[in-house]
Amino acid sequence: MFGYRPDGHPIPEYVDPIVKFTPYIMTTRNDAQNFVTYPLEYKPLADYIREHRDAEEPISFMTILIAAYVRAVRKHPVLNRFVVGKHLYEHSDITVSYIVLREMPDGRYDEAAIKMHFSPDDTLNTVAKKINEQVRLAREPGNENGAVKIANTFLKIPLLPGLVVWILKAMDKFGLLPKSLIEVSPFHCSLFVTNMMSINMPVIYHHLYNFGTCSLFASLGRPERVVTANKEGKASRQLTIPMSVVSDERVCGGAEYAQAMYAALKYMMNPAALETLDD
């Protein structure tokens, strides 16, 4: 209420008036979505993952993506901003939502949304440990997370889901949504990621949700072979991982966003730099 929320705080430093005014023009995240693809070179990432396959905490492509984002936020907090009710906020911590596939006893697959909290000082190993633990818990038989429990409860009563969602959106707009509900909501996060590689699907441009606080949605697609020019200017075929990012352009200026994303991509292509904070 009055600019304060359980999951974020108003930005104390100077913000460009144009950036602050943009939410009045584009009132929803759907209005303000930007779509971009970043082709990542496959071999350096695959080699790093292979070298660490026997480590105490296994590394995956998704682990590197999330760790690179966490490190980029440490240097560029603009990647951790969000807009609610036309006001600009910064998340109190770094939260990442992720969909985990679970194989059910009858052979079908179920989806579980997990939400992980990170610190700007987390290293690659710390990120891997948190992710692996949450994925393990989500895949335990009979485990049902908070978001699923709440949805199942409301769906049992006719007409109630629509009313509840309307009330929750109104409360969220004015910062009145309880912290306990924010914690179980996968839509209240810094970054939402999906790994299309794991199901052998191409990269997807996933829309941003108008409910919640997520300003970035990243997706990794199955590897693709592309033709590029090498240092000698000759055409060569290269295996790449397409990564798409859908962003809310209202959180910062284009130059700031480009600088922050460049930092994230630099870390992704050099995972060893994420092992320590000496950079």
C-alpha atoms as a PDB file:
ATOM      1  CA  MET A   1       0.000   0.000   0.000  1.00  0.00           C
ATOM      2  CA  PHE A   2       1.217   3.543  -0.770  1.00  0.00           C
ATOM      3  CA  GLY A   3       4.098   2.262  -2.883  1.00  0.00           C
ATOM      4  CA  TYR A   4       5.283  -0.538  -0.603  1.00  0.00           C
ATOM      5  CA  ARG A   5       4.899  -4.254  -1.264  1.00  0.00           C
ATOM      6  CA  PRO A   6       5.949  -7.454   0.542  1.00  0.00           C
ATOM      7  CA  ASP A   7       8.076  -8.507  -2.459  1.00  0.00           C
ATOM      8  CA  GLY A   8       9.569  -5.229  -3.640  1.00  0.00           C
ATOM      9  CA  HIS A   9      10.302  -1.589  -2.975  1.00  0.00           C
ATOM     10  CA  PRO A  10      10.201   1.665  -4.955  1.00  0.00           C
ATOM     11  CA  ILE A  11      13.441   2.482  -6.728  1.00  0.00           C
ATOM     12  CA  PRO A  12      15.259   5.161  -4.686  1.00  0.00           C
ATOM     13  CA  GLU A  13      17.632   6.403  -7.371  1.00  0.00           C
ATOM     14  CA  TYR A  14      16.832   8.628 -10.322  1.00  0.00           C
ATOM     15  CA  VAL A  15      14.697   7.071 -13.056  1.00  0.00           C
ATOM     16  CA  ASP A  16      14.314   8.626 -16.495  1.00  0.00           C
ATOM     17  CA  PRO A  17      10.920  10.423 -16.620  1.00  0.00           C
ATOM     18  CA  ILE A  18      10.150   8.735 -19.945  1.00  0.00           C
ATOM     19  CA  VAL A  19      10.640   5.314 -18.328  1.00  0.00           C
ATOM     20  CA  LYS A  20       8.408   6.318 -15.404  1.00  0.00           C
ATOM     21  CA  PHE A  21       5.748   7.639 -17.789  1.00  0.00           C
ATOM     22  CA  THR A  22       5.716   4.571 -20.067  1.00  0.00           C
ATOM     23  CA  PRO A  23       3.402   2.472 -17.804  1.00  0.00           C
ATOM     24  CA  TYR A  24       0.694   5.091 -18.311  1.00  0.00           C
ATOM     25  CA  ILE A  25       0.869   4.491 -22.068  1.00  0.00           C
ATOM     26  CA  MET A  26       1.354   0.723 -21.995  1.00  0.00           C
ATOM     27  CA  THR A  27      -0.772  -0.332 -19.041  1.00  0.00           C
ATOM     28  CA  THR A  28      -0.184  -4.102 -19.219  1.00  0.00           C
ATOM     29  CA  ARG A  29       2.830  -6.335 -19.834  1.00  0.00           C
ATOM     30  CA  ASN A  30       1.170  -7.612 -23.006  1.00  0.00           C
ATOM     31  CA  ASP A  31       1.326  -4.026 -24.323  1.00  0.00           C
ATOM     32  CA  ALA A  32       5.021  -3.733 -23.526  1.00  0.00           C
ATOM     33  CA  GLN A  33       6.445  -7.076 -24.657  1.00  0.00           C
ATOM     34  CA  ASN A  34       9.682  -7.165 -26.628  1.00  0.00           C
ATOM     35  CA  PHE A  35      10.863 -10.383 -28.310  1.00  0.00           C
ATOM     36  CA  VAL A  36      14.466 -11.279 -29.104  1.00  0.00           C
ATOM     37  CA  THR A  37      16.519 -14.400 -29.830  1.00  0.00           C
ATOM     38  CA  TYR A  38      20.125 -14.916 -28.759  1.00  0.00           C
ATOM     39  CA  PRO A  39      21.899 -17.829 -30.513  1.00  0.00           C
ATOM     40  CA  LEU A  40      24.358 -19.418 -28.067  1.00  0.00           C
ATOM     41  CA  GLU A  41      27.323 -21.440 -29.258  1.00  0.00           C
ATOM     42  CA  TYR A  42      26.652 -25.050 -28.238  1.00  0.00           C
ATOM     43  CA  LYS A  43      30.155 -26.503 -27.916  1.00  0.00           C
ATOM     44  CA  PRO A  44      31.643 -24.357 -25.105  1.00  0.00           C
ATOM     45  CA  LEU A  45      28.567 -24.904 -22.949  1.00  0.00           C
ATOM     46  CA  ALA A  46      28.372 -28.640 -23.681  1.00  0.00           C
ATOM     47  CA  ASP A  47      32.107 -29.072 -22.985  1.00  0.00           C
ATOM     48  CA  TYR A  48      31.797 -27.298 -19.624  1.00  0.00           C
ATOM     49  CA  ILE A  49      28.786 -29.394 -18.617  1.00  0.00           C
ATOM     50  CA  ARG A  50      30.598 -32.599 -19.661  1.00  0.00           C
ATOM     51  CA  GLU A  51      33.674 -31.658 -17.634  1.00  0.00           C
ATOM     52  CA  HIS A  52      31.502 -31.233 -14.517  1.00  0.00           C
ATOM     53  CA  ARG A  53      29.203 -34.212 -14.944  1.00  0.00           C
ATOM     54  CA  ASP A  54      30.780 -35.979 -11.944  1.00  0.00           C
ATOM     55  CA  ALA A  55      30.638 -32.915  -9.708  1.00  0.00           C
ATOM     56  CA  GLU A  56      28.735 -32.984  -6.425  1.00  0.00           C
ATOM     57  CA  GLU A  57      26.174 -30.649  -7.971  1.00  0.00           C
ATOM     58  CA  PRO A  58      25.604 -31.470 -11.676  1.00  0.00           C
ATOM     59  CA  ILE A  59      25.443 -28.528 -14.060  1.00  0.00           C
ATOM     60  CA  SER A  60      22.903 -28.147 -16.867  1.00  0.00           C
ATOM     61  CA  PHE A  61      22.241 -25.586 -19.586  1.00  0.00           C
ATOM     62  CA  MET A  62      19.398 -24.226 -17.473  1.00  0.00           C
ATOM     63  CA  THR A  63      21.699 -23.950 -14.442  1.00  0.00           C
ATOM     64  CA  ILE A  64      24.125 -21.820 -16.436  1.00  0.00           C
ATOM     65  CA  LEU A  65      21.308 -19.610 -17.752  1.00  0.00           C
ATOM     66  CA  ILE A  66      19.938 -18.921 -14.268  1.00  0.00           C
ATOM     67  CA  ALA A  67      23.391 -18.405 -12.724  1.00  0.00           C
ATOM     68  CA  ALA A  68      24.277 -15.960 -15.503  1.00  0.00           C
ATOM     69  CA  TYR A  69      21.059 -14.037 -14.855  1.00  0.00           C
ATOM     70  CA  VAL A  70      21.749 -13.891 -11.108  1.00  0.00           C
ATOM     71  CA  ARG A  71      25.257 -12.562 -11.732  1.00  0.00           C
ATOM     72  CA  ALA A  72      23.966 -10.023 -14.271  1.00  0.00           C
ATOM     73  CA  VAL A  73      21.438  -8.739 -11.716  1.00  0.00           C
ATOM     74  CA  ARG A  74      24.309  -8.291  -9.256  1.00  0.00           C
ATOM     75  CA  LYS A  75      25.912  -5.850 -11.680  1.00  0.00           C
ATOM     76  CA  HIS A  76      22.753  -4.513 -13.359  1.00  0.00           C
ATOM     77  CA  PRO A  77      19.783  -4.378 -10.947  1.00  0.00           C
ATOM     78  CA  VAL A  78      17.540  -3.065 -13.744  1.00  0.00           C
ATOM     79  CA  LEU A  79      17.019  -6.721 -14.739  1.00  0.00           C
ATOM     80  CA  ASN A  80      15.253  -7.224 -11.415  1.00  0.00           C
ATOM     81  CA  ARG A  81      12.605  -4.523 -11.781  1.00  0.00           C
ATOM     82  CA  PHE A  82       8.881  -4.830 -12.360  1.00  0.00           C
ATOM     83  CA  VAL A  83       5.802  -2.685 -12.908  1.00  0.00           C
ATOM     84  CA  VAL A  84       2.540  -3.056 -10.990  1.00  0.00           C
ATOM     85  CA  GLY A  85      -0.263  -0.484 -10.958  1.00  0.00           C
ATOM     86  CA  LYS A  86       1.776   1.861 -13.187  1.00  0.00           C
ATOM     87  CA  HIS A  87       4.502   2.040 -10.530  1.00  0.00           C
ATOM     88  CA  LEU A  88       8.090   0.837 -10.931  1.00  0.00           C
ATOM     89  CA  TYR A  89       9.594  -1.422  -8.258  1.00  0.00           C
ATOM     90  CA  GLU A  90      12.683  -3.511  -7.626  1.00  0.00           C
ATOM     91  CA  HIS A  91      12.360  -7.056  -6.281  1.00  0.00           C
ATOM     92  CA  SER A  92      13.492  -7.561  -2.691  1.00  0.00           C
ATOM     93  CA  ASP A  93      15.476 -10.630  -3.815  1.00  0.00           C
ATOM     94  CA  ILE A  94      16.107 -12.606  -6.993  1.00  0.00           C
ATOM     95  CA  THR A  95      13.366 -15.148  -7.655  1.00  0.00           C
ATOM     96  CA  VAL A  96      13.192 -17.566 -10.574  1.00  0.00           C
ATOM     97  CA  SER A  97      10.192 -19.718 -11.514  1.00  0.00           C
ATOM     98  CA  TYR A  98      10.665 -22.929 -13.459  1.00  0.00           C
ATOM     99  CA  ILE A  99       8.353 -25.675 -14.718  1.00  0.00           C
ATOM    100  CA  VAL A 100       9.415 -29.235 -13.825  1.00  0.00           C
ATOM    101  CA  LEU A 101       8.022 -32.284 -15.636  1.00  0.00           C
ATOM    102  CA  ARG A 102       7.012 -35.229 -13.450  1.00  0.00           C
ATOM    103  CA  GLU A 103       6.247 -38.698 -14.761  1.00  0.00           C
ATOM    104  CA  MET A 104       3.117 -40.065 -13.109  1.00  0.00           C
ATOM    105  CA  PRO A 105       2.504 -43.742 -12.222  1.00  0.00           C
ATOM    106  CA  ASP A 106       0.079 -44.091 -15.150  1.00  0.00           C
ATOM    107  CA  GLY A 107       2.720 -42.948 -17.644  1.00  0.00           C
ATOM    108  CA  ARG A 108       1.431 -39.442 -18.272  1.00  0.00           C
ATOM    109  CA  TYR A 109       3.413 -36.307 -17.488  1.00  0.00           C
ATOM    110  CA  ASP A 110       2.424 -33.657 -14.970  1.00  0.00           C
ATOM    111  CA  GLU A 111       3.843 -30.150 -14.559  1.00  0.00           C
ATOM    112  CA  ALA A 112       4.954 -28.637 -11.280  1.00  0.00           C
ATOM    113  CA  ALA A 113       5.943 -24.993 -10.914  1.00  0.00           C
ATOM    114  CA  ILE A 114       8.875 -24.360  -8.605  1.00  0.00           C
ATOM    115  CA  LYS A 115      10.098 -21.018  -7.349  1.00  0.00           C
ATOM    116  CA  MET A 116      13.674 -20.470  -6.241  1.00  0.00           C
ATOM    117  CA  HIS A 117      15.254 -17.620  -4.267  1.00  0.00           C
ATOM    118  CA  PHE A 118      18.779 -16.475  -5.043  1.00  0.00           C
ATOM    119  CA  SER A 119      21.256 -13.960  -3.692  1.00  0.00           C
ATOM    120  CA  PRO A 120      23.398 -11.670  -5.890  1.00  0.00           C
ATOM    121  CA  ASP A 121      26.430 -13.356  -4.279  1.00  0.00           C
ATOM    122  CA  ASP A 122      25.432 -16.878  -5.352  1.00  0.00           C
ATOM    123  CA  THR A 123      28.028 -18.728  -7.421  1.00  0.00           C
ATOM    124  CA  LEU A 124      27.328 -21.319 -10.102  1.00  0.00           C
ATOM    125  CA  ASN A 125      27.689 -24.144  -7.588  1.00  0.00           C
ATOM    126  CA  THR A 126      25.287 -22.461  -5.149  1.00  0.00           C
ATOM    127  CA  VAL A 127      22.722 -21.954  -7.910  1.00  0.00           C
ATOM    128  CA  ALA A 128      23.106 -25.577  -9.019  1.00  0.00           C
ATOM    129  CA  LYS A 129      22.589 -26.833  -5.464  1.00  0.00           C
ATOM    130  CA  LYS A 130      19.387 -24.816  -5.024  1.00  0.00           C
ATOM    131  CA  ILE A 131      17.982 -25.867  -8.404  1.00  0.00           C
ATOM    132  CA  ASN A 132      18.819 -29.559  -7.975  1.00  0.00           C
ATOM    133  CA  GLU A 133      17.248 -29.630  -4.519  1.00  0.00           C
ATOM    134  CA  GLN A 134      14.025 -27.950  -5.661  1.00  0.00           C
ATOM    135  CA  VAL A 135      13.716 -30.191  -8.731  1.00  0.00           C
ATOM    136  CA  ARG A 136      14.247 -33.280  -6.571  1.00  0.00           C
ATOM    137  CA  LEU A 137      11.528 -32.175  -4.149  1.00  0.00           C
ATOM    138  CA  ALA A 138       9.118 -31.321  -6.972  1.00  0.00           C
ATOM    139  CA  ARG A 139       9.526 -34.793  -8.484  1.00  0.00           C
ATOM    140  CA  GLU A 140       8.912 -36.700  -5.270  1.00  0.00           C
ATOM    141  CA  PRO A 141       5.818 -38.932  -5.520  1.00  0.00           C
ATOM    142  CA  GLY A 142       2.714 -37.301  -4.094  1.00  0.00           C
ATOM    143  CA  ASN A 143       4.366 -33.910  -3.724  1.00  0.00           C
ATOM    144  CA  GLU A 144       1.924 -31.098  -4.536  1.00  0.00           C
ATOM    145  CA  ASN A 145       3.176 -27.539  -4.365  1.00  0.00           C
ATOM    146  CA  GLY A 146       1.277 -24.581  -2.933  1.00  0.00           C
ATOM    147  CA  ALA A 147       0.087 -23.149  -6.248  1.00  0.00           C
ATOM    148  CA  VAL A 148      -1.464 -26.473  -7.266  1.00  0.00           C
ATOM    149  CA  LYS A 149      -3.185 -26.892  -3.893  1.00  0.00           C
ATOM    150  CA  ILE A 150      -4.753 -23.412  -4.055  1.00  0.00           C
ATOM    151  CA  ALA A 151      -5.910 -23.891  -7.660  1.00  0.00           C
ATOM    152  CA  ASN A 152      -7.488 -27.269  -6.892  1.00  0.00           C
ATOM    153  CA  THR A 153      -9.322 -25.798  -3.881  1.00  0.00           C
ATOM    154  CA  PHE A 154     -10.881 -22.912  -5.808  1.00  0.00           C
ATOM    155  CA  LEU A 155     -11.756 -25.014  -8.868  1.00  0.00           C
ATOM    156  CA  LYS A 156     -14.056 -27.193  -6.781  1.00  0.00           C
ATOM    157  CA  ILE A 157     -16.557 -24.338  -6.314  1.00  0.00           C
ATOM    158  CA  PRO A 158     -18.430 -23.015  -9.409  1.00  0.00           C
ATOM    159  CA  LEU A 159     -17.869 -19.320 -10.263  1.00  0.00           C
ATOM    160  CA  LEU A 160     -15.347 -18.943  -7.429  1.00  0.00           C
ATOM    161  CA  PRO A 161     -12.118 -19.009  -9.513  1.00  0.00           C
ATOM    162  CA  GLY A 162     -13.057 -15.902 -11.531  1.00  0.00           C
ATOM    163  CA  LEU A 163     -14.019 -13.949  -8.421  1.00  0.00           C
ATOM    164  CA  VAL A 164     -10.901 -15.009  -6.540  1.00  0.00           C
ATOM    165  CA  VAL A 165      -8.584 -14.025  -9.392  1.00  0.00           C
ATOM    166  CA  TRP A 166     -10.284 -10.620  -9.678  1.00  0.00           C
ATOM    167  CA  ILE A 167      -9.836 -10.017  -5.950  1.00  0.00           C
ATOM    168  CA  LEU A 168      -6.205 -11.179  -6.009  1.00  0.00           C
ATOM    169  CA  LYS A 169      -5.386  -8.887  -8.950  1.00  0.00           C
ATOM    170  CA  ALA A 170      -6.971  -5.922  -7.156  1.00  0.00           C
ATOM    171  CA  MET A 171      -5.065  -6.679  -3.958  1.00  0.00           C
ATOM    172  CA  ASP A 172      -1.808  -7.092  -5.878  1.00  0.00           C
ATOM    173  CA  LYS A 173      -2.305  -3.763  -7.647  1.00  0.00           C
ATOM    174  CA  PHE A 174      -2.396  -1.939  -4.296  1.00  0.00           C
ATOM    175  CA  GLY A 175       0.315  -4.021  -2.615  1.00  0.00           C
ATOM    176  CA  LEU A 176      -2.134  -5.797  -0.321  1.00  0.00           C
ATOM    177  CA  LEU A 177      -1.447  -9.358  -1.448  1.00  0.00           C
ATOM    178  CA  PRO A 178      -0.103 -11.320   1.547  1.00  0.00           C
ATOM    179  CA  LYS A 179       3.493 -12.465   1.391  1.00  0.00           C
ATOM    180  CA  SER A 180       2.337 -16.066   1.922  1.00  0.00           C
ATOM    181  CA  LEU A 181       0.327 -15.988  -1.327  1.00  0.00           C
ATOM    182  CA  ILE A 182       3.131 -14.238  -3.212  1.00  0.00           C
ATOM    183  CA  GLU A 183       5.493 -17.000  -2.119  1.00  0.00           C
ATOM    184  CA  VAL A 184       3.403 -19.781  -3.675  1.00  0.00           C
ATOM    185  CA  SER A 185       2.626 -17.824  -6.848  1.00  0.00           C
ATOM    186  CA  PRO A 186       5.032 -18.700  -9.695  1.00  0.00           C
ATOM    187  CA  PHE A 187       3.888 -15.519 -11.481  1.00  0.00           C
ATOM    188  CA  HIS A 188       5.526 -13.314  -8.840  1.00  0.00           C
ATOM    189  CA  CYS A 189       9.175 -13.660  -9.802  1.00  0.00           C
ATOM    190  CA  SER A 190      12.144 -11.897 -11.342  1.00  0.00           C
ATOM    191  CA  LEU A 191      12.543 -14.403 -14.184  1.00  0.00           C
ATOM    192  CA  PHE A 192      10.464 -17.272 -15.553  1.00  0.00           C
ATOM    193  CA  VAL A 193      12.360 -19.911 -17.539  1.00  0.00           C
ATOM    194  CA  THR A 194      11.334 -22.888 -19.638  1.00  0.00           C
ATOM    195  CA  ASN A 195      13.600 -25.564 -21.070  1.00  0.00           C
ATOM    196  CA  MET A 196      12.211 -26.679 -24.429  1.00  0.00           C
ATOM    197  CA  MET A 197      15.461 -28.586 -25.012  1.00  0.00           C
ATOM    198  CA  SER A 198      14.371 -31.177 -22.462  1.00  0.00           C
ATOM    199  CA  ILE A 199      11.390 -32.191 -24.625  1.00  0.00           C
ATOM    200  CA  ASN A 200      13.203 -31.752 -27.967  1.00  0.00           C
ATOM    201  CA  MET A 201      11.102 -28.751 -28.982  1.00  0.00           C
ATOM    202  CA  PRO A 202      12.143 -25.549 -30.762  1.00  0.00           C
ATOM    203  CA  VAL A 203      12.551 -22.336 -28.824  1.00  0.00           C
ATOM    204  CA  ILE A 204       9.321 -20.590 -27.840  1.00  0.00           C
ATOM    205  CA  TYR A 205       8.519 -16.913 -27.306  1.00  0.00           C
ATOM    206  CA  HIS A 206       6.459 -17.161 -24.148  1.00  0.00           C
ATOM    207  CA  HIS A 207       4.205 -14.227 -23.315  1.00  0.00           C
ATOM    208  CA  LEU A 208       4.521 -12.322 -20.053  1.00  0.00           C
ATOM    209  CA  TYR A 209       1.716 -12.705 -17.529  1.00  0.00           C
ATOM    210  CA  ASN A 210      -0.364  -9.645 -16.659  1.00  0.00           C
ATOM    211  CA  PHE A 211      -0.825 -11.138 -13.187  1.00  0.00           C
ATOM    212  CA  GLY A 212       2.203 -11.089 -10.945  1.00  0.00           C
ATOM    213  CA  THR A 213       5.550  -9.328 -11.290  1.00  0.00           C
ATOM    214  CA  CYS A 214       7.528 -11.256 -13.926  1.00  0.00           C
ATOM    215  CA  SER A 215       9.279  -8.908 -16.364  1.00  0.00           C
ATOM    216  CA  LEU A 216      11.445 -11.505 -18.148  1.00  0.00           C
ATOM    217  CA  PHE A 217      10.618 -14.887 -19.679  1.00  0.00           C
ATOM    218  CA  ALA A 218      13.492 -16.917 -21.128  1.00  0.00           C
ATOM    219  CA  SER A 219      13.368 -20.128 -23.140  1.00  0.00           C
ATOM    220  CA  LEU A 220      16.049 -22.529 -24.362  1.00  0.00           C
ATOM    221  CA  GLY A 221      15.239 -24.456 -27.545  1.00  0.00           C
ATOM    222  CA  ARG A 222      16.690 -27.601 -29.078  1.00  0.00           C
ATOM    223  CA  PRO A 223      20.071 -27.075 -30.785  1.00  0.00           C
ATOM    224  CA  GLU A 224      20.065 -25.840 -34.389  1.00  0.00           C
ATOM    225  CA  ARG A 225      22.723 -25.751 -37.085  1.00  0.00           C
ATOM    226  CA  VAL A 226      23.238 -22.321 -38.592  1.00  0.00           C
ATOM    227  CA  VAL A 227      25.588 -20.920 -41.216  1.00  0.00           C
ATOM    228  CA  THR A 228      27.855 -18.132 -39.974  1.00  0.00           C
ATOM    229  CA  ALA A 229      30.968 -16.336 -41.201  1.00  0.00           C
ATOM    230  CA  ASN A 230      34.241 -17.314 -39.488  1.00  0.00           C
ATOM    231  CA  LYS A 231      37.177 -14.983 -38.767  1.00  0.00           C
ATOM    232  CA  GLU A 232      38.412 -15.393 -42.327  1.00  0.00           C
ATOM    233  CA  GLY A 233      35.019 -14.370 -43.685  1.00  0.00           C
ATOM    234  CA  LYS A 234      34.215 -17.861 -44.967  1.00  0.00           C
ATOM    235  CA  ALA A 235      30.894 -19.570 -44.367  1.00  0.00           C
ATOM    236  CA  SER A 236      30.872 -22.288 -41.730  1.00  0.00           C
ATOM    237  CA  ARG A 237      28.204 -24.404 -40.081  1.00  0.00           C
ATOM    238  CA  GLN A 238      27.848 -24.048 -36.338  1.00  0.00           C
ATOM    239  CA  LEU A 239      25.653 -25.740 -33.744  1.00  0.00           C
ATOM    240  CA  THR A 240      23.800 -23.217 -31.620  1.00  0.00           C
ATOM    241  CA  ILE A 241      21.229 -23.170 -28.827  1.00  0.00           C
ATOM    242  CA  PRO A 242      18.528 -20.590 -29.529  1.00  0.00           C
ATOM    243  CA  MET A 243      17.568 -18.648 -26.421  1.00  0.00           C
ATOM    244  CA  SER A 244      14.525 -16.403 -26.596  1.00  0.00           C
ATOM    245  CA  VAL A 245      13.800 -13.626 -24.133  1.00  0.00           C
ATOM    246  CA  VAL A 246      10.506 -11.782 -23.804  1.00  0.00           C
ATOM    247  CA  SER A 247      10.875  -8.615 -21.744  1.00  0.00           C
ATOM    248  CA  ASP A 248       8.776  -5.798 -20.356  1.00  0.00           C
ATOM    249  CA  GLU A 249      10.218  -2.668 -21.933  1.00  0.00           C
ATOM    250  CA  ARG A 250       8.758  -0.445 -19.214  1.00  0.00           C
ATOM    251  CA  VAL A 251      11.328  -1.378 -16.555  1.00  0.00           C
ATOM    252  CA  CYS A 252      14.274   0.547 -18.004  1.00  0.00           C
ATOM    253  CA  GLY A 253      15.674   2.282 -21.075  1.00  0.00           C
ATOM    254  CA  GLY A 254      16.827   0.304 -24.097  1.00  0.00           C
ATOM    255  CA  ALA A 255      20.519   1.100 -23.598  1.00  0.00           C
ATOM    256  CA  GLU A 256      20.421  -0.086 -19.978  1.00  0.00           C
ATOM    257  CA  TYR A 257      18.655  -3.294 -20.970  1.00  0.00           C
ATOM    258  CA  ALA A 258      21.150  -3.988 -23.779  1.00  0.00           C
ATOM    259  CA  GLN A 259      24.085  -3.523 -21.402  1.00  0.00           C
ATOM    260  CA  ALA A 260      22.541  -5.829 -18.777  1.00  0.00           C
ATOM    261  CA  MET A 261      21.697  -8.564 -21.295  1.00  0.00           C
ATOM    262  CA  TYR A 262      25.175  -8.349 -22.799  1.00  0.00           C
ATOM    263  CA  ALA A 263      26.580  -9.078 -19.337  1.00  0.00           C
ATOM    264  CA  ALA A 264      24.253 -12.073 -18.908  1.00  0.00           C
ATOM    265  CA  LEU A 265      25.228 -13.488 -22.315  1.00  0.00           C
ATOM    266  CA  LYS A 266      28.937 -12.982 -21.581  1.00  0.00           C
ATOM    267  CA  TYR A 267      28.579 -15.048 -18.404  1.00  0.00           C
ATOM    268  CA  MET A 268      26.601 -17.744 -20.196  1.00  0.00           C
ATOM    269  CA  MET A 269      29.369 -18.245 -22.723  1.00  0.00           C
ATOM    270  CA  ASN A 270      32.022 -18.353 -19.969  1.00  0.00           C
ATOM    271  CA  PRO A 271      30.504 -20.421 -17.118  1.00  0.00           C
ATOM    272  CA  ALA A 272      33.872 -20.669 -15.345  1.00  0.00           C
ATOM    273  CA  ALA A 273      33.551 -16.960 -14.476  1.00  0.00           C
ATOM    274  CA  LEU A 274      30.451 -17.851 -12.441  1.00  0.00           C
ATOM    275  CA  GLU A 275      32.360 -20.191 -10.138  1.00  0.00           C
ATOM    276  CA  THR A 276      33.644 -17.297  -8.025  1.00  0.00           C
ATOM    277  CA  LEU A 277      32.791 -13.647  -7.365  1.00  0.00           C
ATOM    278  CA  ASP A 278      36.251 -12.418  -8.399  1.00  0.00           C
ATOM    279  CA  ASP A 279      35.213 -10.605 -11.586  1.00  0.00           C
END
